[in-house]
């Protein structure tokens, strides 16, 4: 895989990457973005474009805090996980339980 990259205002040059190198670059870019947004207000998810995947592999386990670790395998970003508190687990279970009560053709609703 080849990508082109250049400093602002300069000509780009192709860079050849294998899967491991590309995955490392994506991870490093994500870490860099995390530092760049640190301290900024987090806008609500409602109305934003979300990078979605249908039926990803997922994994859940008890977290080291009083909560759960949820992980998903996203084809563009690799394994992505997050830890949520016990209270958030209860809220998610409640919302998903309400979703299961809806007719299958009804659009989903966020709490």
PDB file of N, CA and C in Angstrom:
ATOM      1  N   UNK A   1       0.849  -1.161   0.000  1.00  0.00           N
ATOM      2  CA  UNK A   1       0.000   0.000   0.000  1.00  0.00           C
ATOM      3  C   UNK A   1       0.892   1.220   0.000  1.00  0.00           C
ATOM      4  N   UNK A   2       0.501   2.188  -0.793  1.00  0.00           N
ATOM      5  CA  UNK A   2       1.267   3.415  -0.896  1.00  0.00           C
ATOM      6  C   UNK A   2       0.389   4.594  -0.489  1.00  0.00           C
ATOM      7  N   UNK A   3       0.922   5.477   0.353  1.00  0.00           N
ATOM      8  CA  UNK A   3       0.239   6.726   0.694  1.00  0.00           C
ATOM      9  C   UNK A   3       1.190   7.861   0.350  1.00  0.00           C
ATOM     10  N   UNK A   4       0.619   9.032   0.144  1.00  0.00           N
ATOM     11  CA  UNK A   4       1.451  10.201  -0.121  1.00  0.00           C
ATOM     12  C   UNK A   4       1.317  11.154   1.044  1.00  0.00           C
ATOM     13  N   UNK A   5       2.463  11.690   1.455  1.00  0.00           N
ATOM     14  CA  UNK A   5       2.484  12.557   2.625  1.00  0.00           C
ATOM     15  C   UNK A   5       3.499  13.670   2.394  1.00  0.00           C
ATOM     16  N   UNK A   6       3.175  14.868   2.920  1.00  0.00           N
ATOM     17  CA  UNK A   6       4.095  15.997   2.775  1.00  0.00           C
ATOM     18  C   UNK A   6       3.769  17.057   3.808  1.00  0.00           C
ATOM     19  N   UNK A   7       4.770  17.843   4.179  1.00  0.00           N
ATOM     20  CA  UNK A   7       4.489  19.010   5.015  1.00  0.00           C
ATOM     21  C   UNK A   7       3.589  19.981   4.245  1.00  0.00           C
ATOM     22  N   UNK A   8       2.858  20.800   4.962  1.00  0.00           N
ATOM     23  CA  UNK A   8       1.947  21.752   4.340  1.00  0.00           C
ATOM     24  C   UNK A   8       2.722  22.636   3.362  1.00  0.00           C
ATOM     25  N   UNK A   9       2.178  22.761   2.155  1.00  0.00           N
ATOM     26  CA  UNK A   9       2.771  23.631   1.150  1.00  0.00           C
ATOM     27  C   UNK A   9       3.919  23.022   0.367  1.00  0.00           C
ATOM     28  N   UNK A  10       4.244  21.757   0.611  1.00  0.00           N
ATOM     29  CA  UNK A  10       5.338  21.114  -0.123  1.00  0.00           C
ATOM     30  C   UNK A  10       4.800  19.950  -0.935  1.00  0.00           C
ATOM     31  N   UNK A  11       5.582  19.515  -1.909  1.00  0.00           N
ATOM     32  CA  UNK A  11       5.190  18.377  -2.744  1.00  0.00           C
ATOM     33  C   UNK A  11       5.184  17.102  -1.915  1.00  0.00           C
ATOM     34  N   UNK A  12       4.244  16.231  -2.251  1.00  0.00           N
ATOM     35  CA  UNK A  12       4.160  14.964  -1.522  1.00  0.00           C
ATOM     36  C   UNK A  12       5.064  13.917  -2.148  1.00  0.00           C
ATOM     37  N   UNK A  13       5.371  12.928  -1.342  1.00  0.00           N
ATOM     38  CA  UNK A  13       6.172  11.795  -1.793  1.00  0.00           C
ATOM     39  C   UNK A  13       5.472  10.520  -1.362  1.00  0.00           C
ATOM     40  N   UNK A  14       5.435   9.505  -2.255  1.00  0.00           N
ATOM     41  CA  UNK A  14       4.796   8.250  -1.861  1.00  0.00           C
ATOM     42  C   UNK A  14       5.629   7.503  -0.822  1.00  0.00           C
ATOM     43  N   UNK A  15       4.908   6.856   0.095  1.00  0.00           N
ATOM     44  CA  UNK A  15       5.540   6.026   1.122  1.00  0.00           C
ATOM     45  C   UNK A  15       4.865   4.664   1.068  1.00  0.00           C
ATOM     46  N   UNK A  16       5.650   3.619   0.899  1.00  0.00           N
ATOM     47  CA  UNK A  16       5.125   2.253   0.864  1.00  0.00           C
ATOM     48  C   UNK A  16       5.027   1.718   2.285  1.00  0.00           C
ATOM     49  N   UNK A  17       3.854   1.148   2.637  1.00  0.00           N
ATOM     50  CA  UNK A  17       3.635   0.592   3.966  1.00  0.00           C
ATOM     51  C   UNK A  17       3.039  -0.799   3.852  1.00  0.00           C
ATOM     52  N   UNK A  18       3.482  -1.709   4.723  1.00  0.00           N
ATOM     53  CA  UNK A  18       2.803  -3.000   4.819  1.00  0.00           C
ATOM     54  C   UNK A  18       1.708  -2.863   5.883  1.00  0.00           C
ATOM     55  N   UNK A  19       0.941  -3.927   6.108  1.00  0.00           N
ATOM     56  CA  UNK A  19      -0.186  -3.865   7.034  1.00  0.00           C
ATOM     57  C   UNK A  19       0.241  -3.480   8.449  1.00  0.00           C
ATOM     58  N   UNK A  20       1.319  -4.068   8.948  1.00  0.00           N
ATOM     59  CA  UNK A  20       1.782  -3.748  10.303  1.00  0.00           C
ATOM     60  C   UNK A  20       2.212  -2.285  10.412  1.00  0.00           C
ATOM     61  N   UNK A  21       2.910  -1.783   9.406  1.00  0.00           N
ATOM     62  CA  UNK A  21       3.346  -0.398   9.435  1.00  0.00           C
ATOM     63  C   UNK A  21       2.149   0.551   9.375  1.00  0.00           C
ATOM     64  N   UNK A  22       1.176   0.225   8.525  1.00  0.00           N
ATOM     65  CA  UNK A  22      -0.017   1.054   8.420  1.00  0.00           C
ATOM     66  C   UNK A  22      -0.805   1.038   9.735  1.00  0.00           C
ATOM     67  N   UNK A  23      -0.927  -0.132  10.350  1.00  0.00           N
ATOM     68  CA  UNK A  23      -1.631  -0.236  11.634  1.00  0.00           C
ATOM     69  C   UNK A  23      -0.933   0.588  12.703  1.00  0.00           C
ATOM     70  N   UNK A  24       0.388   0.561  12.725  1.00  0.00           N
ATOM     71  CA  UNK A  24       1.157   1.371  13.676  1.00  0.00           C
ATOM     72  C   UNK A  24       0.934   2.853  13.418  1.00  0.00           C
ATOM     73  N   UNK A  25       0.923   3.257  12.156  1.00  0.00           N
ATOM     74  CA  UNK A  25       0.682   4.653  11.809  1.00  0.00           C
ATOM     75  C   UNK A  25      -0.705   5.095  12.257  1.00  0.00           C
ATOM     76  N   UNK A  26      -1.717   4.269  12.036  1.00  0.00           N
ATOM     77  CA  UNK A  26      -3.079   4.596  12.463  1.00  0.00           C
ATOM     78  C   UNK A  26      -3.126   4.754  13.982  1.00  0.00           C
ATOM     79  N   UNK A  27      -2.473   3.839  14.704  1.00  0.00           N
ATOM     80  CA  UNK A  27      -2.445   3.915  16.170  1.00  0.00           C
ATOM     81  C   UNK A  27      -1.751   5.192  16.626  1.00  0.00           C
ATOM     82  N   UNK A  28      -0.615   5.530  16.015  1.00  0.00           N
ATOM     83  CA  UNK A  28       0.117   6.736  16.397  1.00  0.00           C
ATOM     84  C   UNK A  28      -0.667   8.004  16.054  1.00  0.00           C
ATOM     85  N   UNK A  29      -1.350   7.998  14.926  1.00  0.00           N
ATOM     86  CA  UNK A  29      -2.185   9.148  14.571  1.00  0.00           C
ATOM     87  C   UNK A  29      -3.332   9.296  15.575  1.00  0.00           C
ATOM     88  N   UNK A  30      -3.910   8.172  15.999  1.00  0.00           N
ATOM     89  CA  UNK A  30      -4.970   8.218  16.998  1.00  0.00           C
ATOM     90  C   UNK A  30      -4.470   8.768  18.324  1.00  0.00           C
ATOM     91  N   UNK A  31      -3.285   8.332  18.743  1.00  0.00           N
ATOM     92  CA  UNK A  31      -2.706   8.840  19.991  1.00  0.00           C
ATOM     93  C   UNK A  31      -2.424  10.338  19.877  1.00  0.00           C
ATOM     94  N   UNK A  32      -1.939  10.767  18.719  1.00  0.00           N
ATOM     95  CA  UNK A  32      -1.670  12.180  18.491  1.00  0.00           C
ATOM     96  C   UNK A  32      -2.963  12.981  18.537  1.00  0.00           C
ATOM     97  N   UNK A  33      -4.019  12.463  17.909  1.00  0.00           N
ATOM     98  CA  UNK A  33      -5.309  13.147  17.935  1.00  0.00           C
ATOM     99  C   UNK A  33      -5.821  13.254  19.368  1.00  0.00           C
ATOM    100  N   UNK A  34      -5.637  12.195  20.138  1.00  0.00           N
ATOM    101  CA  UNK A  34      -6.063  12.195  21.540  1.00  0.00           C
ATOM    102  C   UNK A  34      -5.404  13.346  22.296  1.00  0.00           C
ATOM    103  N   UNK A  35      -4.113  13.553  22.089  1.00  0.00           N
ATOM    104  CA  UNK A  35      -3.407  14.653  22.752  1.00  0.00           C
ATOM    105  C   UNK A  35      -3.906  16.010  22.250  1.00  0.00           C
ATOM    106  N   UNK A  36      -4.234  16.094  20.961  1.00  0.00           N
ATOM    107  CA  UNK A  36      -4.672  17.363  20.388  1.00  0.00           C
ATOM    108  C   UNK A  36      -6.052  17.782  20.896  1.00  0.00           C
ATOM    109  N   UNK A  37      -6.931  16.825  21.161  1.00  0.00           N
ATOM    110  CA  UNK A  37      -8.285  17.163  21.619  1.00  0.00           C
ATOM    111  C   UNK A  37      -8.384  17.211  23.140  1.00  0.00           C
ATOM    112  N   UNK A  38      -7.329  16.809  23.833  1.00  0.00           N
ATOM    113  CA  UNK A  38      -7.333  16.812  25.293  1.00  0.00           C
ATOM    114  C   UNK A  38      -7.655  18.213  25.813  1.00  0.00           C
ATOM    115  N   UNK A  39      -8.647  18.299  26.687  1.00  0.00           N
ATOM    116  CA  UNK A  39      -9.042  19.565  27.272  1.00  0.00           C
ATOM    117  C   UNK A  39     -10.111  20.310  26.498  1.00  0.00           C
ATOM    118  N   UNK A  40     -10.402  19.868  25.290  1.00  0.00           N
ATOM    119  CA  UNK A  40     -11.460  20.503  24.507  1.00  0.00           C
ATOM    120  C   UNK A  40     -12.801  19.888  24.885  1.00  0.00           C
ATOM    121  N   UNK A  41     -13.886  20.667  24.761  1.00  0.00           N
ATOM    122  CA  UNK A  41     -15.206  20.092  25.042  1.00  0.00           C
ATOM    123  C   UNK A  41     -15.532  18.986  24.040  1.00  0.00           C
ATOM    124  N   UNK A  42     -16.177  17.940  24.533  1.00  0.00           N
ATOM    125  CA  UNK A  42     -16.565  16.822  23.672  1.00  0.00           C
ATOM    126  C   UNK A  42     -17.995  17.070  23.190  1.00  0.00           C
ATOM    127  N   UNK A  43     -18.169  17.247  21.874  1.00  0.00           N
ATOM    128  CA  UNK A  43     -19.523  17.494  21.372  1.00  0.00           C
ATOM    129  C   UNK A  43     -20.371  16.228  21.465  1.00  0.00           C
ATOM    130  N   UNK A  44     -21.703  16.383  21.536  1.00  0.00           N
ATOM    131  CA  UNK A  44     -22.568  15.208  21.587  1.00  0.00           C
ATOM    132  C   UNK A  44     -22.432  14.369  20.308  1.00  0.00           C
ATOM    133  N   UNK A  45     -22.688  13.085  20.447  1.00  0.00           N
ATOM    134  CA  UNK A  45     -22.615  12.186  19.282  1.00  0.00           C
ATOM    135  C   UNK A  45     -23.806  12.359  18.342  1.00  0.00           C
ATOM    136  N   UNK A  46     -24.946  12.750  18.890  1.00  0.00           N
ATOM    137  CA  UNK A  46     -26.144  12.896  18.085  1.00  0.00           C
ATOM    138  C   UNK A  46     -25.894  13.884  16.954  1.00  0.00           C
ATOM    139  N   UNK A  47     -26.235  13.470  15.733  1.00  0.00           N
ATOM    140  CA  UNK A  47     -26.091  14.326  14.566  1.00  0.00           C
ATOM    141  C   UNK A  47     -24.725  14.279  13.906  1.00  0.00           C
ATOM    142  N   UNK A  48     -23.756  13.617  14.525  1.00  0.00           N
ATOM    143  CA  UNK A  48     -22.425  13.518  13.920  1.00  0.00           C
ATOM    144  C   UNK A  48     -22.349  12.303  13.014  1.00  0.00           C
ATOM    145  N   UNK A  49     -21.465  12.356  12.036  1.00  0.00           N
ATOM    146  CA  UNK A  49     -21.205  11.203  11.178  1.00  0.00           C
ATOM    147  C   UNK A  49     -20.360  10.215  11.977  1.00  0.00           C
ATOM    148  N   UNK A  50     -20.818   8.979  12.038  1.00  0.00           N
ATOM    149  CA  UNK A  50     -20.133   7.936  12.805  1.00  0.00           C
ATOM    150  C   UNK A  50     -19.598   6.886  11.836  1.00  0.00           C
ATOM    151  N   UNK A  51     -18.342   6.505  12.005  1.00  0.00           N
ATOM    152  CA  UNK A  51     -17.726   5.459  11.202  1.00  0.00           C
ATOM    153  C   UNK A  51     -18.257   4.122  11.727  1.00  0.00           C
ATOM    154  N   UNK A  52     -19.230   3.544  11.026  1.00  0.00           N
ATOM    155  CA  UNK A  52     -19.893   2.341  11.525  1.00  0.00           C
ATOM    156  C   UNK A  52     -19.449   1.080  10.798  1.00  0.00           C
ATOM    157  N   UNK A  53     -19.610  -0.028  11.478  1.00  0.00           N
ATOM    158  CA  UNK A  53     -19.287  -1.343  10.949  1.00  0.00           C
ATOM    159  C   UNK A  53     -20.447  -2.264  11.294  1.00  0.00           C
ATOM    160  N   UNK A  54     -20.859  -3.079  10.338  1.00  0.00           N
ATOM    161  CA  UNK A  54     -21.949  -4.020  10.588  1.00  0.00           C
ATOM    162  C   UNK A  54     -21.382  -5.320  11.144  1.00  0.00           C
ATOM    163  N   UNK A  55     -21.930  -5.758  12.258  1.00  0.00           N
ATOM    164  CA  UNK A  55     -21.616  -7.040  12.900  1.00  0.00           C
ATOM    165  C   UNK A  55     -20.122  -7.252  13.143  1.00  0.00           C
ATOM    166  N   UNK A  56     -19.463  -6.338  13.865  1.00  0.00           N
ATOM    167  CA  UNK A  56     -18.042  -6.561  14.152  1.00  0.00           C
ATOM    168  C   UNK A  56     -17.864  -7.654  15.206  1.00  0.00           C
ATOM    169  N   UNK A  57     -16.690  -8.238  15.233  1.00  0.00           N
ATOM    170  CA  UNK A  57     -16.353  -9.119  16.351  1.00  0.00           C
ATOM    171  C   UNK A  57     -16.273  -8.238  17.589  1.00  0.00           C
ATOM    172  N   UNK A  58     -16.753  -8.737  18.711  1.00  0.00           N
ATOM    173  CA  UNK A  58     -16.729  -7.956  19.939  1.00  0.00           C
ATOM    174  C   UNK A  58     -16.373  -8.856  21.105  1.00  0.00           C
ATOM    175  N   UNK A  59     -15.992  -8.214  22.196  1.00  0.00           N
ATOM    176  CA  UNK A  59     -15.553  -8.928  23.393  1.00  0.00           C
ATOM    177  C   UNK A  59     -15.878  -8.057  24.597  1.00  0.00           C
ATOM    178  N   UNK A  60     -16.353  -8.682  25.668  1.00  0.00           N
ATOM    179  CA  UNK A  60     -16.661  -7.967  26.908  1.00  0.00           C
ATOM    180  C   UNK A  60     -16.048  -8.725  28.072  1.00  0.00           C
ATOM    181  N   UNK A  61     -15.458  -7.990  28.993  1.00  0.00           N
ATOM    182  CA  UNK A  61     -14.942  -8.605  30.212  1.00  0.00           C
ATOM    183  C   UNK A  61     -15.075  -7.613  31.355  1.00  0.00           C
ATOM    184  N   UNK A  62     -14.976  -8.111  32.567  1.00  0.00           N
ATOM    185  CA  UNK A  62     -14.986  -7.249  33.746  1.00  0.00           C
ATOM    186  C   UNK A  62     -13.716  -6.407  33.705  1.00  0.00           C
ATOM    187  N   UNK A  63     -13.851  -5.113  33.948  1.00  0.00           N
ATOM    188  CA  UNK A  63     -12.703  -4.209  33.920  1.00  0.00           C
ATOM    189  C   UNK A  63     -12.023  -4.164  35.277  1.00  0.00           C
ATOM    190  N   UNK A  64     -10.835  -3.591  35.299  1.00  0.00           N
ATOM    191  CA  UNK A  64     -10.094  -3.462  36.558  1.00  0.00           C
ATOM    192  C   UNK A  64     -10.738  -2.443  37.480  1.00  0.00           C
ATOM    193  N   UNK A  65     -11.591  -1.580  36.922  1.00  0.00           N
ATOM    194  CA  UNK A  65     -12.393  -0.684  37.757  1.00  0.00           C
ATOM    195  C   UNK A  65     -13.722  -1.395  37.994  1.00  0.00           C
ATOM    196  N   UNK A  66     -14.645  -0.756  38.670  1.00  0.00           N
ATOM    197  CA  UNK A  66     -15.967  -1.345  38.900  1.00  0.00           C
ATOM    198  C   UNK A  66     -16.814  -1.093  37.656  1.00  0.00           C
ATOM    199  N   UNK A  67     -16.576  -1.884  36.620  1.00  0.00           N
ATOM    200  CA  UNK A  67     -17.278  -1.715  35.360  1.00  0.00           C
ATOM    201  C   UNK A  67     -16.906  -2.804  34.376  1.00  0.00           C
ATOM    202  N   UNK A  68     -16.999  -2.468  33.094  1.00  0.00           N
ATOM    203  CA  UNK A  68     -16.756  -3.446  32.033  1.00  0.00           C
ATOM    204  C   UNK A  68     -15.848  -2.880  30.957  1.00  0.00           C
ATOM    205  N   UNK A  69     -15.095  -3.779  30.324  1.00  0.00           N
ATOM    206  CA  UNK A  69     -14.297  -3.460  29.157  1.00  0.00           C
ATOM    207  C   UNK A  69     -15.052  -3.987  27.947  1.00  0.00           C
ATOM    208  N   UNK A  70     -15.318  -3.118  26.977  1.00  0.00           N
ATOM    209  CA  UNK A  70     -15.951  -3.511  25.724  1.00  0.00           C
ATOM    210  C   UNK A  70     -14.932  -3.290  24.622  1.00  0.00           C
ATOM    211  N   UNK A  71     -14.752  -4.284  23.757  1.00  0.00           N
ATOM    212  CA  UNK A  71     -13.810  -4.171  22.651  1.00  0.00           C
ATOM    213  C   UNK A  71     -14.506  -4.600  21.362  1.00  0.00           C
ATOM    214  N   UNK A  72     -14.157  -3.908  20.281  1.00  0.00           N
ATOM    215  CA  UNK A  72     -14.695  -4.201  18.958  1.00  0.00           C
ATOM    216  C   UNK A  72     -13.540  -4.245  17.973  1.00  0.00           C
ATOM    217  N   UNK A  73     -13.673  -5.074  16.943  1.00  0.00           N
ATOM    218  CA  UNK A  73     -12.668  -5.116  15.884  1.00  0.00           C
ATOM    219  C   UNK A  73     -13.192  -4.292  14.714  1.00  0.00           C
ATOM    220  N   UNK A  74     -12.636  -3.100  14.536  1.00  0.00           N
ATOM    221  CA  UNK A  74     -13.045  -2.202  13.455  1.00  0.00           C
ATOM    222  C   UNK A  74     -12.064  -2.381  12.297  1.00  0.00           C
ATOM    223  N   UNK A  75     -12.550  -2.684  11.091  1.00  0.00           N
ATOM    224  CA  UNK A  75     -11.625  -2.942   9.981  1.00  0.00           C
ATOM    225  C   UNK A  75     -10.713  -1.760   9.657  1.00  0.00           C
ATOM    226  N   UNK A  76     -11.158  -0.539   9.894  1.00  0.00           N
ATOM    227  CA  UNK A  76     -10.332   0.628   9.591  1.00  0.00           C
ATOM    228  C   UNK A  76      -9.363   0.973  10.713  1.00  0.00           C
ATOM    229  N   UNK A  77      -9.723   0.677  11.961  1.00  0.00           N
ATOM    230  CA  UNK A  77      -8.930   1.119  13.092  1.00  0.00           C
ATOM    231  C   UNK A  77      -8.345  -0.025  13.915  1.00  0.00           C
ATOM    232  N   UNK A  78      -8.703  -1.257  13.607  1.00  0.00           N
ATOM    233  CA  UNK A  78      -8.227  -2.391  14.386  1.00  0.00           C
ATOM    234  C   UNK A  78      -9.064  -2.573  15.640  1.00  0.00           C
ATOM    235  N   UNK A  79      -8.473  -3.216  16.625  1.00  0.00           N
ATOM    236  CA  UNK A  79      -9.178  -3.455  17.886  1.00  0.00           C
ATOM    237  C   UNK A  79      -9.321  -2.141  18.641  1.00  0.00           C
ATOM    238  N   UNK A  80     -10.559  -1.822  19.000  1.00  0.00           N
ATOM    239  CA  UNK A  80     -10.859  -0.592  19.724  1.00  0.00           C
ATOM    240  C   UNK A  80     -11.624  -0.985  20.980  1.00  0.00           C
ATOM    241  N   UNK A  81     -11.176  -0.528  22.122  1.00  0.00           N
ATOM    242  CA  UNK A  81     -11.845  -0.880  23.367  1.00  0.00           C
ATOM    243  C   UNK A  81     -12.047   0.324  24.249  1.00  0.00           C
ATOM    244  N   UNK A  82     -12.982   0.190  25.157  1.00  0.00           N
ATOM    245  CA  UNK A  82     -13.208   1.239  26.134  1.00  0.00           C
ATOM    246  C   UNK A  82     -13.753   0.625  27.409  1.00  0.00           C
ATOM    247  N   UNK A  83     -13.514   1.329  28.503  1.00  0.00           N
ATOM    248  CA  UNK A  83     -13.968   0.886  29.811  1.00  0.00           C
ATOM    249  C   UNK A  83     -15.108   1.795  30.243  1.00  0.00           C
ATOM    250  N   UNK A  84     -16.184   1.187  30.728  1.00  0.00           N
ATOM    251  CA  UNK A  84     -17.322   1.956  31.220  1.00  0.00           C
ATOM    252  C   UNK A  84     -17.639   1.527  32.644  1.00  0.00           C
ATOM    253  N   UNK A  85     -18.137   2.483  33.408  1.00  0.00           N
ATOM    254  CA  UNK A  85     -18.450   2.222  34.817  1.00  0.00           C
ATOM    255  C   UNK A  85     -19.677   1.323  34.937  1.00  0.00           C
ATOM    256  N   UNK A  86     -19.864   0.781  36.134  1.00  0.00           N
ATOM    257  CA  UNK A  86     -21.025  -0.071  36.408  1.00  0.00           C
ATOM    258  C   UNK A  86     -22.325   0.686  36.129  1.00  0.00           C
ATOM    259  N   UNK A  87     -22.386   1.972  36.502  1.00  0.00           N
ATOM    260  CA  UNK A  87     -23.594   2.771  36.266  1.00  0.00           C
ATOM    261  C   UNK A  87     -23.869   2.909  34.769  1.00  0.00           C
ATOM    262  N   UNK A  88     -22.808   3.096  33.968  1.00  0.00           N
ATOM    263  CA  UNK A  88     -22.986   3.192  32.521  1.00  0.00           C
ATOM    264  C   UNK A  88     -23.411   1.849  31.922  1.00  0.00           C
ATOM    265  N   UNK A  89     -22.885   0.756  32.466  1.00  0.00           N
ATOM    266  CA  UNK A  89     -23.306  -0.576  32.023  1.00  0.00           C
ATOM    267  C   UNK A  89     -24.807  -0.724  32.239  1.00  0.00           C
ATOM    268  N   UNK A  90     -25.288  -0.338  33.420  1.00  0.00           N
ATOM    269  CA  UNK A  90     -26.716  -0.439  33.724  1.00  0.00           C
ATOM    270  C   UNK A  90     -27.540   0.407  32.758  1.00  0.00           C
ATOM    271  N   UNK A  91     -27.063   1.607  32.441  1.00  0.00           N
ATOM    272  CA  UNK A  91     -27.781   2.481  31.507  1.00  0.00           C
ATOM    273  C   UNK A  91     -27.822   1.877  30.104  1.00  0.00           C
ATOM    274  N   UNK A  92     -26.691   1.338  29.643  1.00  0.00           N
ATOM    275  CA  UNK A  92     -26.642   0.717  28.315  1.00  0.00           C
ATOM    276  C   UNK A  92     -27.563  -0.497  28.254  1.00  0.00           C
ATOM    277  N   UNK A  93     -27.550  -1.323  29.293  1.00  0.00           N
ATOM    278  CA  UNK A  93     -28.433  -2.496  29.338  1.00  0.00           C
ATOM    279  C   UNK A  93     -29.887  -2.052  29.275  1.00  0.00           C
ATOM    280  N   UNK A  94     -30.231  -0.994  30.000  1.00  0.00           N
ATOM    281  CA  UNK A  94     -31.608  -0.491  29.987  1.00  0.00           C
ATOM    282  C   UNK A  94     -31.994  -0.006  28.589  1.00  0.00           C
ATOM    283  N   UNK A  95     -31.130   0.774  27.939  1.00  0.00           N
ATOM    284  CA  UNK A  95     -31.431   1.282  26.599  1.00  0.00           C
ATOM    285  C   UNK A  95     -31.558   0.135  25.603  1.00  0.00           C
ATOM    286  N   UNK A  96     -30.623  -0.812  25.642  1.00  0.00           N
ATOM    287  CA  UNK A  96     -30.682  -1.948  24.714  1.00  0.00           C
ATOM    288  C   UNK A  96     -31.908  -2.821  24.978  1.00  0.00           C
ATOM    289  N   UNK A  97     -32.292  -2.970  26.232  1.00  0.00           N
ATOM    290  CA  UNK A  97     -33.503  -3.735  26.556  1.00  0.00           C
ATOM    291  C   UNK A  97     -34.730  -3.069  25.946  1.00  0.00           C
ATOM    292  N   UNK A  98     -34.769  -1.736  25.985  1.00  0.00           N
ATOM    293  CA  UNK A  98     -35.873  -1.003  25.357  1.00  0.00           C
ATOM    294  C   UNK A  98     -35.842  -1.181  23.843  1.00  0.00           C
ATOM    295  N   UNK A  99     -34.660  -1.212  23.261  1.00  0.00           N
ATOM    296  CA  UNK A  99     -34.540  -1.435  21.814  1.00  0.00           C
ATOM    297  C   UNK A  99     -35.104  -2.796  21.416  1.00  0.00           C
ATOM    298  N   UNK A 100     -34.873  -3.799  22.254  1.00  0.00           N
ATOM    299  CA  UNK A 100     -35.374  -5.143  21.946  1.00  0.00           C
ATOM    300  C   UNK A 100     -36.894  -5.210  21.974  1.00  0.00           C
ATOM    301  N   UNK A 101     -37.526  -4.279  22.662  1.00  0.00           N
ATOM    302  CA  UNK A 101     -38.990  -4.247  22.723  1.00  0.00           C
ATOM    303  C   UNK A 101     -39.609  -3.591  21.483  1.00  0.00           C
ATOM    304  N   UNK A 102     -38.801  -2.855  20.711  1.00  0.00           N
ATOM    305  CA  UNK A 102     -39.307  -2.175  19.517  1.00  0.00           C
ATOM    306  C   UNK A 102     -39.533  -3.166  18.387  1.00  0.00           C
ATOM    307  N   UNK A 103     -40.491  -2.879  17.502  1.00  0.00           N
ATOM    308  CA  UNK A 103     -40.642  -3.725  16.310  1.00  0.00           C
ATOM    309  C   UNK A 103     -39.345  -3.688  15.499  1.00  0.00           C
ATOM    310  N   UNK A 104     -39.008  -4.775  14.808  1.00  0.00           N
ATOM    311  CA  UNK A 104     -37.727  -4.851  14.094  1.00  0.00           C
ATOM    312  C   UNK A 104     -37.508  -3.751  13.054  1.00  0.00           C
ATOM    313  N   UNK A 105     -38.575  -3.204  12.463  1.00  0.00           N
ATOM    314  CA  UNK A 105     -38.396  -2.196  11.419  1.00  0.00           C
ATOM    315  C   UNK A 105     -38.392  -0.767  11.944  1.00  0.00           C
ATOM    316  N   UNK A 106     -38.480  -0.579  13.240  1.00  0.00           N
ATOM    317  CA  UNK A 106     -38.519   0.774  13.834  1.00  0.00           C
ATOM    318  C   UNK A 106     -37.097   1.307  13.998  1.00  0.00           C
ATOM    319  N   UNK A 107     -36.864   2.584  13.656  1.00  0.00           N
ATOM    320  CA  UNK A 107     -35.516   3.150  13.837  1.00  0.00           C
ATOM    321  C   UNK A 107     -35.122   3.172  15.307  1.00  0.00           C
ATOM    322  N   UNK A 108     -33.847   3.031  15.564  1.00  0.00           N
ATOM    323  CA  UNK A 108     -33.379   3.026  16.952  1.00  0.00           C
ATOM    324  C   UNK A 108     -33.427   4.424  17.543  1.00  0.00           C
ATOM    325  N   UNK A 109     -33.538   4.458  18.850  1.00  0.00           N
ATOM    326  CA  UNK A 109     -33.658   5.700  19.594  1.00  0.00           C
ATOM    327  C   UNK A 109     -32.570   5.714  20.653  1.00  0.00           C
ATOM    328  N   UNK A 110     -31.934   6.846  20.811  1.00  0.00           N
ATOM    329  CA  UNK A 110     -30.887   7.002  21.849  1.00  0.00           C
ATOM    330  C   UNK A 110     -31.550   7.583  23.083  1.00  0.00           C
ATOM    331  N   UNK A 111     -31.008   7.238  24.240  1.00  0.00           N
ATOM    332  CA  UNK A 111     -31.573   7.758  25.510  1.00  0.00           C
ATOM    333  C   UNK A 111     -31.381   9.239  25.614  1.00  0.00           C
TER     334      UNK A 111
END
